[in-house]
Amino acid sequence: MRKNVVAGNWKMNTTLPEGLALAKGLDEALKGKTVNCDVVIGTPFTHLASVAAAIDTTKIGVAAENCADHDKGAYTGEVSAAMLASTGAKYVILGHSERRAYYHETAEILKTKVNLALANGLTPIFCIGEVLEEREAGKHFEVVEEQIKSSLFELSTEDFGKLILAYEPVWAIGTGKTATADQAQEIHAYIRKVVAGKYGQAVADDCSILYGGSCNASNAEELFSKADVDGGLIGGASLSVDKFLPIIEAF
């Protein structure tokens, strides 16, 4: 059975003291609670080791927000997958639309990053999704299929089975717009069909596909009720325990 996952992506927010307080606050809020999903928080690089040491990582997984496309060497300012793993992080967010748009990360770069993450024991949360123009042109299915195929379809069945996918309609990230639950279900089902075509139905059925894009306490329950929506990749709402906790509890 595939896992339900609620993952927070803090992006470039919080100083180290602020991030530690947020992580500890979430850790405290989850104490004694039974939750029906895996909980993950994606923090800036500077926070990873401190956050991983400060919380119960059997209850909250720690994710990096990116990794380098080289394993080591003269790449000033970059952070390798091996470095991330050494902090206690267990996940890494890859292919986020902001990385694709602002830092021009290509399918080939992302393919390399996924391989390095897997080689270092990290679980990639791999992001896919279309921009508004592509949605309005009816190309959203074509776009997500190409993003999956071009970066992931050279993986072995075993390695593909270690991934989490996150569908993000780029037009809904931070805009307050949200894909309707039916729109989310439609494209998540399509993504699962694409995976099944390559790796078989059993692998597709086991693949967690998260929804990202202005998911919040008021719409999470409806989104998560859909058969092919296995959780959320949460941006702004993950920066507050009071806003993030109800999304976790939506399961």
C-alpha atoms as a PDB file:
ATOM      1  CA  MET A   1       0.000   0.000   0.000  1.00  0.00           C
ATOM      2  CA  ARG A   2       1.250   3.447  -0.885  1.00  0.00           C
ATOM      3  CA  LYS A   3       1.850   5.933   1.904  1.00  0.00           C
ATOM      4  CA  ASN A   4      -0.030   9.141   2.551  1.00  0.00           C
ATOM      5  CA  VAL A   5       2.472  11.989   2.974  1.00  0.00           C
ATOM      6  CA  VAL A   6       2.166  15.617   4.048  1.00  0.00           C
ATOM      7  CA  ALA A   7       5.424  17.455   3.356  1.00  0.00           C
ATOM      8  CA  GLY A   8       6.182  21.077   4.166  1.00  0.00           C
ATOM      9  CA  ASN A   9       8.476  23.113   1.919  1.00  0.00           C
ATOM     10  CA  TRP A  10       9.747  26.118   3.849  1.00  0.00           C
ATOM     11  CA  LYS A  11      11.544  27.556   0.791  1.00  0.00           C
ATOM     12  CA  MET A  12      13.885  30.489   1.622  1.00  0.00           C
ATOM     13  CA  ASN A  13      12.177  31.331   4.888  1.00  0.00           C
ATOM     14  CA  THR A  14      13.140  31.357   8.587  1.00  0.00           C
ATOM     15  CA  THR A  15      16.466  32.062  10.231  1.00  0.00           C
ATOM     16  CA  LEU A  16      18.017  29.118  12.055  1.00  0.00           C
ATOM     17  CA  PRO A  17      16.495  30.102  15.444  1.00  0.00           C
ATOM     18  CA  GLU A  18      13.086  30.647  13.806  1.00  0.00           C
ATOM     19  CA  GLY A  19      13.308  27.332  11.962  1.00  0.00           C
ATOM     20  CA  LEU A  20      14.293  25.445  15.095  1.00  0.00           C
ATOM     21  CA  ALA A  21      11.364  26.973  16.964  1.00  0.00           C
ATOM     22  CA  LEU A  22       8.979  26.004  14.160  1.00  0.00           C
ATOM     23  CA  ALA A  23      10.276  22.431  13.980  1.00  0.00           C
ATOM     24  CA  LYS A  24      10.159  21.992  17.743  1.00  0.00           C
ATOM     25  CA  GLY A  25       6.654  23.460  17.822  1.00  0.00           C
ATOM     26  CA  LEU A  26       5.445  20.918  15.276  1.00  0.00           C
ATOM     27  CA  ASP A  27       7.227  18.120  17.114  1.00  0.00           C
ATOM     28  CA  GLU A  28       5.480  19.127  20.345  1.00  0.00           C
ATOM     29  CA  ALA A  29       2.087  19.442  18.633  1.00  0.00           C
ATOM     30  CA  LEU A  30       2.340  15.892  17.267  1.00  0.00           C
ATOM     31  CA  LYS A  31       3.306  14.315  20.598  1.00  0.00           C
ATOM     32  CA  GLY A  32       0.688  11.795  21.689  1.00  0.00           C
ATOM     33  CA  LYS A  33      -1.238  12.184  18.417  1.00  0.00           C
ATOM     34  CA  THR A  34      -1.920   9.344  16.024  1.00  0.00           C
ATOM     35  CA  VAL A  35      -1.552  10.669  12.484  1.00  0.00           C
ATOM     36  CA  ASN A  36      -2.553   8.784   9.360  1.00  0.00           C
ATOM     37  CA  CYS A  37       0.229  10.051   7.128  1.00  0.00           C
ATOM     38  CA  ASP A  38       3.998  10.457   7.039  1.00  0.00           C
ATOM     39  CA  VAL A  39       5.000  14.012   8.010  1.00  0.00           C
ATOM     40  CA  VAL A  40       8.028  15.683   6.379  1.00  0.00           C
ATOM     41  CA  ILE A  41       9.486  19.177   6.698  1.00  0.00           C
ATOM     42  CA  GLY A  42      11.742  20.626   4.003  1.00  0.00           C
ATOM     43  CA  THR A  43      14.127  23.180   5.495  1.00  0.00           C
ATOM     44  CA  PRO A  44      16.928  25.393   4.169  1.00  0.00           C
ATOM     45  CA  PHE A  45      20.372  23.730   4.042  1.00  0.00           C
ATOM     46  CA  THR A  46      21.562  25.762   7.031  1.00  0.00           C
ATOM     47  CA  HIS A  47      18.885  24.239   9.278  1.00  0.00           C
ATOM     48  CA  LEU A  48      19.065  20.546   8.414  1.00  0.00           C
ATOM     49  CA  ALA A  49      21.484  19.173  10.999  1.00  0.00           C
ATOM     50  CA  SER A  50      20.099  21.290  13.832  1.00  0.00           C
ATOM     51  CA  VAL A  51      16.484  20.454  13.043  1.00  0.00           C
ATOM     52  CA  ALA A  52      17.200  16.732  12.628  1.00  0.00           C
ATOM     53  CA  ALA A  53      18.874  16.701  16.050  1.00  0.00           C
ATOM     54  CA  ALA A  54      16.091  18.661  17.745  1.00  0.00           C
ATOM     55  CA  ILE A  55      12.999  16.637  16.785  1.00  0.00           C
ATOM     56  CA  ASP A  56      11.763  13.054  16.853  1.00  0.00           C
ATOM     57  CA  THR A  57      12.728  11.986  13.338  1.00  0.00           C
ATOM     58  CA  THR A  58      10.692   8.790  13.686  1.00  0.00           C
ATOM     59  CA  LYS A  59       7.622  11.073  13.633  1.00  0.00           C
ATOM     60  CA  ILE A  60       8.821  13.886  11.360  1.00  0.00           C
ATOM     61  CA  GLY A  61      11.119  13.290   8.417  1.00  0.00           C
ATOM     62  CA  VAL A  62      13.559  16.018   7.403  1.00  0.00           C
ATOM     63  CA  ALA A  63      13.969  17.032   3.751  1.00  0.00           C
ATOM     64  CA  ALA A  64      16.440  19.248   1.935  1.00  0.00           C
ATOM     65  CA  GLU A  65      14.984  21.548  -0.709  1.00  0.00           C
ATOM     66  CA  ASN A  66      17.549  20.733  -3.395  1.00  0.00           C
ATOM     67  CA  CYS A  67      20.911  19.066  -3.970  1.00  0.00           C
ATOM     68  CA  ALA A  68      23.851  19.489  -6.328  1.00  0.00           C
ATOM     69  CA  ASP A  69      24.164  17.600  -9.602  1.00  0.00           C
ATOM     70  CA  HIS A  70      27.744  16.552  -8.727  1.00  0.00           C
ATOM     71  CA  ASP A  71      28.888  14.218  -5.974  1.00  0.00           C
ATOM     72  CA  LYS A  72      31.796  16.419  -4.782  1.00  0.00           C
ATOM     73  CA  GLY A  73      34.511  18.735  -6.036  1.00  0.00           C
ATOM     74  CA  ALA A  74      35.202  22.354  -6.949  1.00  0.00           C
ATOM     75  CA  TYR A  75      31.584  23.548  -7.028  1.00  0.00           C
ATOM     76  CA  THR A  76      31.650  26.508  -4.658  1.00  0.00           C
ATOM     77  CA  GLY A  77      28.389  27.040  -2.823  1.00  0.00           C
ATOM     78  CA  GLU A  78      26.830  23.713  -3.825  1.00  0.00           C
ATOM     79  CA  VAL A  79      25.616  21.042  -1.387  1.00  0.00           C
ATOM     80  CA  SER A  80      25.921  17.385  -2.349  1.00  0.00           C
ATOM     81  CA  ALA A  81      23.495  14.554  -1.677  1.00  0.00           C
ATOM     82  CA  ALA A  82      26.121  12.899   0.537  1.00  0.00           C
ATOM     83  CA  MET A  83      26.379  16.076   2.618  1.00  0.00           C
ATOM     84  CA  LEU A  84      22.595  16.162   2.995  1.00  0.00           C
ATOM     85  CA  ALA A  85      22.454  12.530   4.104  1.00  0.00           C
ATOM     86  CA  SER A  86      25.142  13.225   6.711  1.00  0.00           C
ATOM     87  CA  THR A  87      22.899  15.830   8.401  1.00  0.00           C
ATOM     88  CA  GLY A  88      20.156  13.318   9.167  1.00  0.00           C
ATOM     89  CA  ALA A  89      17.946  14.397   6.262  1.00  0.00           C
ATOM     90  CA  LYS A  90      16.045  11.504   4.687  1.00  0.00           C
ATOM     91  CA  TYR A  91      14.331  13.284   1.788  1.00  0.00           C
ATOM     92  CA  VAL A  92      15.195  15.843  -0.879  1.00  0.00           C
ATOM     93  CA  ILE A  93      12.796  17.960  -2.951  1.00  0.00           C
ATOM     94  CA  LEU A  94      13.863  17.941  -6.605  1.00  0.00           C
ATOM     95  CA  GLY A  95      12.475  19.547  -9.751  1.00  0.00           C
ATOM     96  CA  HIS A  96      10.444  22.198  -7.957  1.00  0.00           C
ATOM     97  CA  SER A  97       8.973  24.663 -10.437  1.00  0.00           C
ATOM     98  CA  GLU A  98      10.974  27.484  -8.851  1.00  0.00           C
ATOM     99  CA  ARG A  99      14.218  25.578  -9.474  1.00  0.00           C
ATOM    100  CA  ARG A 100      13.169  24.862 -13.055  1.00  0.00           C
ATOM    101  CA  ALA A 101      12.117  28.467 -13.743  1.00  0.00           C
ATOM    102  CA  TYR A 102      14.669  30.557 -11.840  1.00  0.00           C
ATOM    103  CA  TYR A 103      17.729  28.308 -12.030  1.00  0.00           C
ATOM    104  CA  HIS A 104      17.060  26.696 -15.417  1.00  0.00           C
ATOM    105  CA  GLU A 105      17.251  23.122 -14.177  1.00  0.00           C
ATOM    106  CA  THR A 106      16.820  20.828 -17.160  1.00  0.00           C
ATOM    107  CA  ALA A 107      15.543  17.269 -17.389  1.00  0.00           C
ATOM    108  CA  GLU A 108      19.144  16.040 -17.655  1.00  0.00           C
ATOM    109  CA  ILE A 109      20.262  17.944 -14.560  1.00  0.00           C
ATOM    110  CA  LEU A 110      17.296  16.575 -12.631  1.00  0.00           C
ATOM    111  CA  LYS A 111      18.009  13.044 -13.818  1.00  0.00           C
ATOM    112  CA  THR A 112      21.527  13.352 -12.361  1.00  0.00           C
ATOM    113  CA  LYS A 113      20.221  14.803  -9.095  1.00  0.00           C
ATOM    114  CA  VAL A 114      17.699  11.980  -8.687  1.00  0.00           C
ATOM    115  CA  ASN A 115      20.413   9.373  -9.232  1.00  0.00           C
ATOM    116  CA  LEU A 116      22.746  11.031  -6.714  1.00  0.00           C
ATOM    117  CA  ALA A 117      19.963  11.333  -4.147  1.00  0.00           C
ATOM    118  CA  LEU A 118      19.069   7.658  -4.488  1.00  0.00           C
ATOM    119  CA  ALA A 119      22.727   6.600  -4.359  1.00  0.00           C
ATOM    120  CA  ASN A 120      23.021   8.371  -1.009  1.00  0.00           C
ATOM    121  CA  GLY A 121      19.907   6.838   0.510  1.00  0.00           C
ATOM    122  CA  LEU A 122      17.680   9.902   0.158  1.00  0.00           C
ATOM    123  CA  THR A 123      14.048   9.736  -0.954  1.00  0.00           C
ATOM    124  CA  PRO A 124      13.449  12.225  -3.781  1.00  0.00           C
ATOM    125  CA  ILE A 125      10.191  14.147  -3.716  1.00  0.00           C
ATOM    126  CA  PHE A 126      10.106  14.830  -7.448  1.00  0.00           C
ATOM    127  CA  CYS A 127       7.990  17.771  -8.609  1.00  0.00           C
ATOM    128  CA  ILE A 128       6.148  18.035 -11.916  1.00  0.00           C
ATOM    129  CA  GLY A 129       3.536  20.443 -13.209  1.00  0.00           C
ATOM    130  CA  GLU A 130       2.427  22.862 -15.873  1.00  0.00           C
ATOM    131  CA  VAL A 131       2.329  26.659 -16.062  1.00  0.00           C
ATOM    132  CA  LEU A 132      -0.911  28.544 -16.728  1.00  0.00           C
ATOM    133  CA  GLU A 133      -0.343  28.899 -20.482  1.00  0.00           C
ATOM    134  CA  GLU A 134       0.139  25.142 -20.806  1.00  0.00           C
ATOM    135  CA  ARG A 135      -2.999  24.425 -18.776  1.00  0.00           C
ATOM    136  CA  GLU A 136      -5.067  26.864 -20.855  1.00  0.00           C
ATOM    137  CA  ALA A 137      -3.717  25.310 -24.067  1.00  0.00           C
ATOM    138  CA  GLY A 138      -4.779  21.862 -22.861  1.00  0.00           C
ATOM    139  CA  LYS A 139      -1.167  20.653 -22.738  1.00  0.00           C
ATOM    140  CA  HIS A 140      -1.027  19.796 -19.020  1.00  0.00           C
ATOM    141  CA  PHE A 141      -1.139  16.023 -19.544  1.00  0.00           C
ATOM    142  CA  GLU A 142       1.566  16.203 -22.204  1.00  0.00           C
ATOM    143  CA  VAL A 143       3.794  18.427 -20.030  1.00  0.00           C
ATOM    144  CA  VAL A 144       3.716  16.250 -16.913  1.00  0.00           C
ATOM    145  CA  GLU A 145       4.200  13.081 -18.939  1.00  0.00           C
ATOM    146  CA  GLU A 146       7.311  14.514 -20.596  1.00  0.00           C
ATOM    147  CA  GLN A 147       8.718  15.726 -17.257  1.00  0.00           C
ATOM    148  CA  ILE A 148       8.340  12.230 -15.789  1.00  0.00           C
ATOM    149  CA  LYS A 149       9.698  10.377 -18.814  1.00  0.00           C
ATOM    150  CA  SER A 150      12.676  12.656 -19.439  1.00  0.00           C
ATOM    151  CA  SER A 151      14.047  12.573 -15.886  1.00  0.00           C
ATOM    152  CA  LEU A 152      12.813   9.330 -14.332  1.00  0.00           C
ATOM    153  CA  PHE A 153      12.165   6.625 -16.903  1.00  0.00           C
ATOM    154  CA  GLU A 154      15.761   5.399 -17.043  1.00  0.00           C
ATOM    155  CA  LEU A 155      15.488   4.333 -13.394  1.00  0.00           C
ATOM    156  CA  SER A 156      15.195   0.666 -12.523  1.00  0.00           C
ATOM    157  CA  THR A 157      11.830  -0.511 -11.228  1.00  0.00           C
ATOM    158  CA  GLU A 158      13.366  -0.828  -7.772  1.00  0.00           C
ATOM    159  CA  ASP A 159      14.718   2.727  -7.776  1.00  0.00           C
ATOM    160  CA  PHE A 160      11.539   4.243  -9.215  1.00  0.00           C
ATOM    161  CA  GLY A 161       9.669   2.599  -6.367  1.00  0.00           C
ATOM    162  CA  LYS A 162      11.660   4.714  -3.883  1.00  0.00           C
ATOM    163  CA  LEU A 163      10.371   8.029  -5.271  1.00  0.00           C
ATOM    164  CA  ILE A 164       7.534  10.274  -4.181  1.00  0.00           C
ATOM    165  CA  LEU A 165       5.949  12.358  -6.956  1.00  0.00           C
ATOM    166  CA  ALA A 166       4.478  15.803  -6.319  1.00  0.00           C
ATOM    167  CA  TYR A 167       2.145  17.367  -8.888  1.00  0.00           C
ATOM    168  CA  GLU A 168       2.170  21.151  -8.697  1.00  0.00           C
ATOM    169  CA  PRO A 169       0.047  23.242 -11.030  1.00  0.00           C
ATOM    170  CA  VAL A 170       2.532  26.108 -11.239  1.00  0.00           C
ATOM    171  CA  TRP A 171      -0.337  28.568 -11.702  1.00  0.00           C
ATOM    172  CA  ALA A 172      -1.607  27.638  -8.214  1.00  0.00           C
ATOM    173  CA  ILE A 173       1.627  28.001  -6.222  1.00  0.00           C
ATOM    174  CA  GLY A 174       1.405  30.907  -3.828  1.00  0.00           C
ATOM    175  CA  THR A 175      -1.377  32.504  -5.858  1.00  0.00           C
ATOM    176  CA  GLY A 176      -4.289  31.423  -3.694  1.00  0.00           C
ATOM    177  CA  LYS A 177      -5.679  29.610  -6.746  1.00  0.00           C
ATOM    178  CA  THR A 178      -6.070  25.887  -6.285  1.00  0.00           C
ATOM    179  CA  ALA A 179      -6.846  23.163  -8.747  1.00  0.00           C
ATOM    180  CA  THR A 180     -10.259  21.788  -7.858  1.00  0.00           C
ATOM    181  CA  ALA A 181     -10.248  18.401  -6.182  1.00  0.00           C
ATOM    182  CA  ASP A 182     -11.614  16.937  -9.418  1.00  0.00           C
ATOM    183  CA  GLN A 183      -8.859  18.584 -11.493  1.00  0.00           C
ATOM    184  CA  ALA A 184      -6.250  17.233  -9.081  1.00  0.00           C
ATOM    185  CA  GLN A 185      -7.749  13.745  -9.210  1.00  0.00           C
ATOM    186  CA  GLU A 186      -7.894  13.811 -13.015  1.00  0.00           C
ATOM    187  CA  ILE A 187      -4.213  14.605 -13.486  1.00  0.00           C
ATOM    188  CA  HIS A 188      -3.023  12.416 -10.597  1.00  0.00           C
ATOM    189  CA  ALA A 189      -4.865   9.486 -12.186  1.00  0.00           C
ATOM    190  CA  TYR A 190      -3.189  10.318 -15.494  1.00  0.00           C
ATOM    191  CA  ILE A 191       0.244  10.427 -13.839  1.00  0.00           C
ATOM    192  CA  ARG A 192      -0.403   7.016 -12.295  1.00  0.00           C
ATOM    193  CA  LYS A 193      -1.418   5.697 -15.729  1.00  0.00           C
ATOM    194  CA  VAL A 194       1.850   7.002 -17.241  1.00  0.00           C
ATOM    195  CA  VAL A 195       3.843   5.263 -14.480  1.00  0.00           C
ATOM    196  CA  ALA A 196       1.870   2.042 -14.993  1.00  0.00           C
ATOM    197  CA  GLY A 197       2.669   2.122 -18.706  1.00  0.00           C
ATOM    198  CA  LYS A 198       6.381   1.977 -17.943  1.00  0.00           C
ATOM    199  CA  TYR A 199       6.699   0.083 -14.655  1.00  0.00           C
ATOM    200  CA  GLY A 200       3.432  -1.843 -14.376  1.00  0.00           C
ATOM    201  CA  GLN A 201       0.256  -1.338 -12.380  1.00  0.00           C
ATOM    202  CA  ALA A 202       1.647  -2.646  -9.079  1.00  0.00           C
ATOM    203  CA  VAL A 203       4.453  -0.043  -9.046  1.00  0.00           C
ATOM    204  CA  ALA A 204       2.004   2.697 -10.070  1.00  0.00           C
ATOM    205  CA  ASP A 205      -0.411   1.685  -7.324  1.00  0.00           C
ATOM    206  CA  ASP A 206       2.391   1.894  -4.736  1.00  0.00           C
ATOM    207  CA  CYS A 207       3.607   5.337  -5.880  1.00  0.00           C
ATOM    208  CA  SER A 208       2.631   8.240  -3.598  1.00  0.00           C
ATOM    209  CA  ILE A 209       1.552  11.292  -5.624  1.00  0.00           C
ATOM    210  CA  LEU A 210       1.226  14.515  -3.638  1.00  0.00           C
ATOM    211  CA  TYR A 211      -0.660  17.663  -4.607  1.00  0.00           C
ATOM    212  CA  GLY A 212       1.155  20.996  -4.290  1.00  0.00           C
ATOM    213  CA  GLY A 213      -0.364  24.383  -4.975  1.00  0.00           C
ATOM    214  CA  SER A 214      -2.138  26.481  -2.343  1.00  0.00           C
ATOM    215  CA  CYS A 215      -3.254  23.462  -0.341  1.00  0.00           C
ATOM    216  CA  ASN A 216      -4.514  24.603   3.057  1.00  0.00           C
ATOM    217  CA  ALA A 217      -6.661  23.613   6.024  1.00  0.00           C
ATOM    218  CA  SER A 218      -9.890  24.479   4.224  1.00  0.00           C
ATOM    219  CA  ASN A 219      -9.337  22.381   1.085  1.00  0.00           C
ATOM    220  CA  ALA A 220      -6.994  19.597   2.241  1.00  0.00           C
ATOM    221  CA  GLU A 221      -9.691  17.163   3.312  1.00  0.00           C
ATOM    222  CA  GLU A 222     -11.502  17.341  -0.030  1.00  0.00           C
ATOM    223  CA  LEU A 223      -8.253  17.040  -2.005  1.00  0.00           C
ATOM    224  CA  PHE A 224      -6.998  14.112   0.084  1.00  0.00           C
ATOM    225  CA  SER A 225     -10.332  12.302  -0.245  1.00  0.00           C
ATOM    226  CA  LYS A 226      -9.625  11.691  -3.928  1.00  0.00           C
ATOM    227  CA  ALA A 227      -8.452   8.197  -4.837  1.00  0.00           C
ATOM    228  CA  ASP A 228      -5.183   9.241  -6.474  1.00  0.00           C
ATOM    229  CA  VAL A 229      -4.212  12.178  -4.222  1.00  0.00           C
ATOM    230  CA  ASP A 230      -1.907  10.785  -1.543  1.00  0.00           C
ATOM    231  CA  GLY A 231      -1.094  13.960   0.344  1.00  0.00           C
ATOM    232  CA  GLY A 232       0.336  17.394  -0.171  1.00  0.00           C
ATOM    233  CA  LEU A 233       3.532  19.354  -0.709  1.00  0.00           C
ATOM    234  CA  ILE A 234       2.719  22.420   1.349  1.00  0.00           C
ATOM    235  CA  GLY A 235       4.394  25.801   0.975  1.00  0.00           C
ATOM    236  CA  GLY A 236       3.223  28.834   2.942  1.00  0.00           C
ATOM    237  CA  ALA A 237       0.923  26.924   5.296  1.00  0.00           C
ATOM    238  CA  SER A 238       3.865  24.824   6.515  1.00  0.00           C
ATOM    239  CA  LEU A 239       5.456  27.913   8.083  1.00  0.00           C
ATOM    240  CA  SER A 240       2.917  27.900  10.918  1.00  0.00           C
ATOM    241  CA  VAL A 241       2.133  24.958  13.183  1.00  0.00           C
ATOM    242  CA  ASP A 242      -1.443  26.206  13.494  1.00  0.00           C
ATOM    243  CA  LYS A 243      -1.885  26.128   9.712  1.00  0.00           C
ATOM    244  CA  PHE A 244       0.156  22.980   9.002  1.00  0.00           C
ATOM    245  CA  LEU A 245      -1.322  20.730  11.688  1.00  0.00           C
ATOM    246  CA  PRO A 246      -4.906  20.755  10.316  1.00  0.00           C
ATOM    247  CA  ILE A 247      -3.555  19.671   6.909  1.00  0.00           C
ATOM    248  CA  ILE A 248      -1.778  16.723   8.543  1.00  0.00           C
ATOM    249  CA  GLU A 249      -4.986  15.917  10.427  1.00  0.00           C
ATOM    250  CA  ALA A 250      -7.028  16.038   7.197  1.00  0.00           C
ATOM    251  CA  PHE A 251      -6.129  12.345   6.856  1.00  0.00           C
END
